[in-house]
Amino acid sequence: MSRVITYDPFRNFRTIQGEINRLFERDLHNCSSDQMAELPVNVDIREDENQIVIKADVPGMEQKDININVDNNLLTISGERKFADKEHQDKYHRVERAYGRFSRTFQLNNSTEVKNITATYNSGVLEVALPKLEEAKPRSIQVQVN
């Protein structure tokens, strides 16, 4: 008696699709920050004669989850956005908002008055003001006529 062997040309594709599905399900069910990629943080930096201002988009966070450190002329903004709805995480069909840790570091120049740096957080935007030292501010010099 002979046996009929069926050929399935899409078997390998289904195997790959299954692996991809398992990867996405694991990230959805295990929304811990250790398994998620680092969160991107977009910033705007502007300068005027008195200060440099950094504005960072960190929506959906609380003040206690944001850290600002200055060390060796490096300003570091870091924190973590946590997945808050752990009770219903099995019910989500899609999670597109990013969660996890973030960190951005900026080199400060020697004209920054480090001890007077201030930060405010309003409507998901963190604003860090870096005042300039008095000698770094532009001055106008009067020309004397003889």
C-alpha atoms as a PDB file:
ATOM      1  CA  MET A   1       0.000   0.000   0.000  1.00  0.00           C
ATOM      2  CA  SER A   2       1.382   3.413  -0.888  1.00  0.00           C
ATOM      3  CA  ARG A   3       1.074   6.464   1.204  1.00  0.00           C
ATOM      4  CA  VAL A   4       0.165   9.898  -0.163  1.00  0.00           C
ATOM      5  CA  ILE A   5       2.348  12.735   1.074  1.00  0.00           C
ATOM      6  CA  THR A   6       0.856  16.163   0.671  1.00  0.00           C
ATOM      7  CA  TYR A   7       3.081  19.111  -0.094  1.00  0.00           C
ATOM      8  CA  ASP A   8       2.340  22.372   1.697  1.00  0.00           C
ATOM      9  CA  PRO A   9       4.224  25.262   0.034  1.00  0.00           C
ATOM     10  CA  PHE A  10       3.148  27.728   2.773  1.00  0.00           C
ATOM     11  CA  ARG A  11       4.282  25.678   5.787  1.00  0.00           C
ATOM     12  CA  ASN A  12       7.442  27.754   6.295  1.00  0.00           C
ATOM     13  CA  PHE A  13       5.527  31.005   5.990  1.00  0.00           C
ATOM     14  CA  ARG A  14       3.048  29.897   8.656  1.00  0.00           C
ATOM     15  CA  THR A  15       5.939  28.988  10.952  1.00  0.00           C
ATOM     16  CA  ILE A  16       7.473  32.449  10.559  1.00  0.00           C
ATOM     17  CA  GLN A  17       4.065  34.106  11.065  1.00  0.00           C
ATOM     18  CA  GLY A  18       3.570  32.104  14.257  1.00  0.00           C
ATOM     19  CA  GLU A  19       6.952  33.269  15.600  1.00  0.00           C
ATOM     20  CA  ILE A  20       6.142  36.913  14.822  1.00  0.00           C
ATOM     21  CA  ASN A  21       2.750  36.588  16.527  1.00  0.00           C
ATOM     22  CA  ARG A  22       4.375  35.104  19.636  1.00  0.00           C
ATOM     23  CA  LEU A  23       6.870  38.006  19.789  1.00  0.00           C
ATOM     24  CA  PHE A  24       4.104  40.605  19.699  1.00  0.00           C
ATOM     25  CA  GLU A  25       1.964  38.735  22.216  1.00  0.00           C
ATOM     26  CA  ARG A  26       4.898  38.488  24.629  1.00  0.00           C
ATOM     27  CA  ASP A  27       5.472  42.273  24.491  1.00  0.00           C
ATOM     28  CA  LEU A  28       1.760  42.916  24.957  1.00  0.00           C
ATOM     29  CA  HIS A  29       1.408  40.629  27.959  1.00  0.00           C
ATOM     30  CA  ASN A  30       4.723  41.505  29.573  1.00  0.00           C
ATOM     31  CA  CYS A  31       4.571  45.278  29.530  1.00  0.00           C
ATOM     32  CA  SER A  32       7.454  45.662  31.943  1.00  0.00           C
ATOM     33  CA  SER A  33      10.034  48.305  31.191  1.00  0.00           C
ATOM     34  CA  ASP A  34      12.907  45.818  31.172  1.00  0.00           C
ATOM     35  CA  GLN A  35      11.547  44.107  28.071  1.00  0.00           C
ATOM     36  CA  MET A  36      10.571  47.192  26.108  1.00  0.00           C
ATOM     37  CA  ALA A  37      12.861  49.276  23.960  1.00  0.00           C
ATOM     38  CA  GLU A  38      14.062  52.631  25.203  1.00  0.00           C
ATOM     39  CA  LEU A  39      11.419  55.287  24.829  1.00  0.00           C
ATOM     40  CA  PRO A  40      12.266  58.033  22.322  1.00  0.00           C
ATOM     41  CA  VAL A  41      12.009  61.585  23.657  1.00  0.00           C
ATOM     42  CA  ASN A  42      11.810  64.488  21.224  1.00  0.00           C
ATOM     43  CA  VAL A  43      13.259  67.836  22.279  1.00  0.00           C
ATOM     44  CA  ASP A  44      13.384  71.431  21.100  1.00  0.00           C
ATOM     45  CA  ILE A  45      16.339  73.590  22.162  1.00  0.00           C
ATOM     46  CA  ARG A  46      16.298  77.371  21.869  1.00  0.00           C
ATOM     47  CA  GLU A  47      18.652  80.074  23.043  1.00  0.00           C
ATOM     48  CA  ASP A  48      18.260  83.738  23.791  1.00  0.00           C
ATOM     49  CA  GLU A  49      20.584  86.246  25.416  1.00  0.00           C
ATOM     50  CA  ASN A  50      19.757  85.099  28.980  1.00  0.00           C
ATOM     51  CA  GLN A  51      19.274  81.343  28.805  1.00  0.00           C
ATOM     52  CA  ILE A  52      19.060  78.095  26.874  1.00  0.00           C
ATOM     53  CA  VAL A  53      15.708  76.315  27.091  1.00  0.00           C
ATOM     54  CA  ILE A  54      15.174  72.607  26.437  1.00  0.00           C
ATOM     55  CA  LYS A  55      11.591  71.433  25.901  1.00  0.00           C
ATOM     56  CA  ALA A  56      11.033  67.674  25.988  1.00  0.00           C
ATOM     57  CA  ASP A  57       7.850  65.777  25.127  1.00  0.00           C
ATOM     58  CA  VAL A  58       7.108  63.326  27.944  1.00  0.00           C
ATOM     59  CA  PRO A  59       3.309  62.935  27.860  1.00  0.00           C
ATOM     60  CA  GLY A  60       1.362  60.849  30.327  1.00  0.00           C
ATOM     61  CA  MET A  61       3.968  60.997  33.066  1.00  0.00           C
ATOM     62  CA  GLU A  62       3.948  62.216  36.617  1.00  0.00           C
ATOM     63  CA  GLN A  63       6.523  64.596  38.052  1.00  0.00           C
ATOM     64  CA  LYS A  64       7.922  61.852  40.323  1.00  0.00           C
ATOM     65  CA  ASP A  65       8.769  59.696  37.271  1.00  0.00           C
ATOM     66  CA  ILE A  66      11.082  62.339  35.734  1.00  0.00           C
ATOM     67  CA  ASN A  67      14.699  62.847  36.856  1.00  0.00           C
ATOM     68  CA  ILE A  68      17.076  65.676  35.928  1.00  0.00           C
ATOM     69  CA  ASN A  69      20.757  65.418  36.871  1.00  0.00           C
ATOM     70  CA  VAL A  70      23.823  67.571  36.176  1.00  0.00           C
ATOM     71  CA  ASP A  71      27.265  66.010  36.488  1.00  0.00           C
ATOM     72  CA  ASN A  72      30.563  67.016  34.842  1.00  0.00           C
ATOM     73  CA  ASN A  73      28.815  69.514  32.527  1.00  0.00           C
ATOM     74  CA  LEU A  74      26.343  66.868  31.347  1.00  0.00           C
ATOM     75  CA  LEU A  75      22.612  67.424  31.786  1.00  0.00           C
ATOM     76  CA  THR A  76      20.648  64.159  31.813  1.00  0.00           C
ATOM     77  CA  ILE A  77      16.864  63.963  31.583  1.00  0.00           C
ATOM     78  CA  SER A  78      15.601  60.472  32.372  1.00  0.00           C
ATOM     79  CA  GLY A  79      12.569  58.625  33.614  1.00  0.00           C
ATOM     80  CA  GLU A  80      10.128  55.854  32.960  1.00  0.00           C
ATOM     81  CA  ARG A  81       6.624  55.710  31.528  1.00  0.00           C
ATOM     82  CA  LYS A  82       4.904  52.676  33.019  1.00  0.00           C
ATOM     83  CA  PHE A  83       2.038  50.672  31.577  1.00  0.00           C
ATOM     84  CA  ALA A  84      -0.626  51.533  34.126  1.00  0.00           C
ATOM     85  CA  ASP A  85      -3.532  49.250  33.133  1.00  0.00           C
ATOM     86  CA  LYS A  86      -2.057  45.919  34.243  1.00  0.00           C
ATOM     87  CA  GLU A  87      -5.495  44.732  35.357  1.00  0.00           C
ATOM     88  CA  HIS A  88      -6.828  44.750  31.764  1.00  0.00           C
ATOM     89  CA  GLN A  89      -3.634  44.132  29.789  1.00  0.00           C
ATOM     90  CA  ASP A  90      -4.962  40.796  28.455  1.00  0.00           C
ATOM     91  CA  LYS A  91      -7.900  42.626  26.883  1.00  0.00           C
ATOM     92  CA  TYR A  92      -5.891  44.974  24.655  1.00  0.00           C
ATOM     93  CA  HIS A  93      -5.926  44.314  20.912  1.00  0.00           C
ATOM     94  CA  ARG A  94      -3.179  46.807  20.166  1.00  0.00           C
ATOM     95  CA  VAL A  95      -0.688  48.864  22.167  1.00  0.00           C
ATOM     96  CA  GLU A  96       0.940  51.584  20.046  1.00  0.00           C
ATOM     97  CA  ARG A  97       1.915  54.096  22.710  1.00  0.00           C
ATOM     98  CA  ALA A  98       5.480  53.625  23.871  1.00  0.00           C
ATOM     99  CA  TYR A  99       6.294  52.581  27.424  1.00  0.00           C
ATOM    100  CA  GLY A 100       9.593  52.084  29.152  1.00  0.00           C
ATOM    101  CA  ARG A 101      12.649  53.988  30.249  1.00  0.00           C
ATOM    102  CA  PHE A 102      14.056  57.039  28.537  1.00  0.00           C
ATOM    103  CA  SER A 103      17.224  59.069  28.861  1.00  0.00           C
ATOM    104  CA  ARG A 104      18.632  62.060  26.987  1.00  0.00           C
ATOM    105  CA  THR A 105      21.987  63.645  27.791  1.00  0.00           C
ATOM    106  CA  PHE A 106      23.170  67.094  26.720  1.00  0.00           C
ATOM    107  CA  GLN A 107      26.648  68.626  26.938  1.00  0.00           C
ATOM    108  CA  LEU A 108      26.551  71.947  28.782  1.00  0.00           C
ATOM    109  CA  ASN A 109      28.950  74.676  27.773  1.00  0.00           C
ATOM    110  CA  ASN A 110      30.968  76.667  30.293  1.00  0.00           C
ATOM    111  CA  SER A 111      28.570  79.596  30.088  1.00  0.00           C
ATOM    112  CA  THR A 112      25.763  77.775  31.954  1.00  0.00           C
ATOM    113  CA  GLU A 113      24.984  78.792  35.525  1.00  0.00           C
ATOM    114  CA  VAL A 114      24.448  75.241  36.807  1.00  0.00           C
ATOM    115  CA  LYS A 115      23.220  76.113  40.310  1.00  0.00           C
ATOM    116  CA  ASN A 116      20.253  78.104  38.920  1.00  0.00           C
ATOM    117  CA  ILE A 117      18.846  75.526  36.466  1.00  0.00           C
ATOM    118  CA  THR A 118      15.063  75.234  36.773  1.00  0.00           C
ATOM    119  CA  ALA A 119      12.542  72.743  35.398  1.00  0.00           C
ATOM    120  CA  THR A 120       8.761  72.854  34.970  1.00  0.00           C
ATOM    121  CA  TYR A 121       6.322  70.231  33.717  1.00  0.00           C
ATOM    122  CA  ASN A 122       3.016  71.206  32.162  1.00  0.00           C
ATOM    123  CA  SER A 123       0.626  69.329  29.831  1.00  0.00           C
ATOM    124  CA  GLY A 124       3.160  66.627  28.991  1.00  0.00           C
ATOM    125  CA  VAL A 125       6.004  69.033  28.191  1.00  0.00           C
ATOM    126  CA  LEU A 126       9.090  69.269  30.386  1.00  0.00           C
ATOM    127  CA  GLU A 127      10.866  72.633  30.150  1.00  0.00           C
ATOM    128  CA  VAL A 128      14.402  72.961  31.506  1.00  0.00           C
ATOM    129  CA  ALA A 129      15.835  76.495  31.691  1.00  0.00           C
ATOM    130  CA  LEU A 130      19.626  76.809  31.702  1.00  0.00           C
ATOM    131  CA  PRO A 131      20.523  80.383  32.671  1.00  0.00           C
ATOM    132  CA  LYS A 132      23.738  81.848  31.297  1.00  0.00           C
ATOM    133  CA  LEU A 133      26.503  83.231  33.470  1.00  0.00           C
ATOM    134  CA  GLU A 134      26.562  87.015  33.594  1.00  0.00           C
ATOM    135  CA  GLU A 135      29.877  87.215  31.714  1.00  0.00           C
ATOM    136  CA  ALA A 136      28.474  85.058  28.900  1.00  0.00           C
ATOM    137  CA  LYS A 137      25.523  87.350  28.203  1.00  0.00           C
ATOM    138  CA  PRO A 138      25.875  89.768  25.310  1.00  0.00           C
ATOM    139  CA  ARG A 139      26.655  93.354  26.287  1.00  0.00           C
ATOM    140  CA  SER A 140      26.567  96.618  24.518  1.00  0.00           C
ATOM    141  CA  ILE A 141      29.699  98.767  24.761  1.00  0.00           C
ATOM    142  CA  GLN A 142      29.375 102.514  24.411  1.00  0.00           C
ATOM    143  CA  VAL A 143      31.823 104.116  21.992  1.00  0.00           C
ATOM    144  CA  GLN A 144      33.521 107.239  23.343  1.00  0.00           C
ATOM    145  CA  VAL A 145      34.044 110.145  20.985  1.00  0.00           C
ATOM    146  CA  ASN A 146      36.985 112.499  21.600  1.00  0.00           C
END
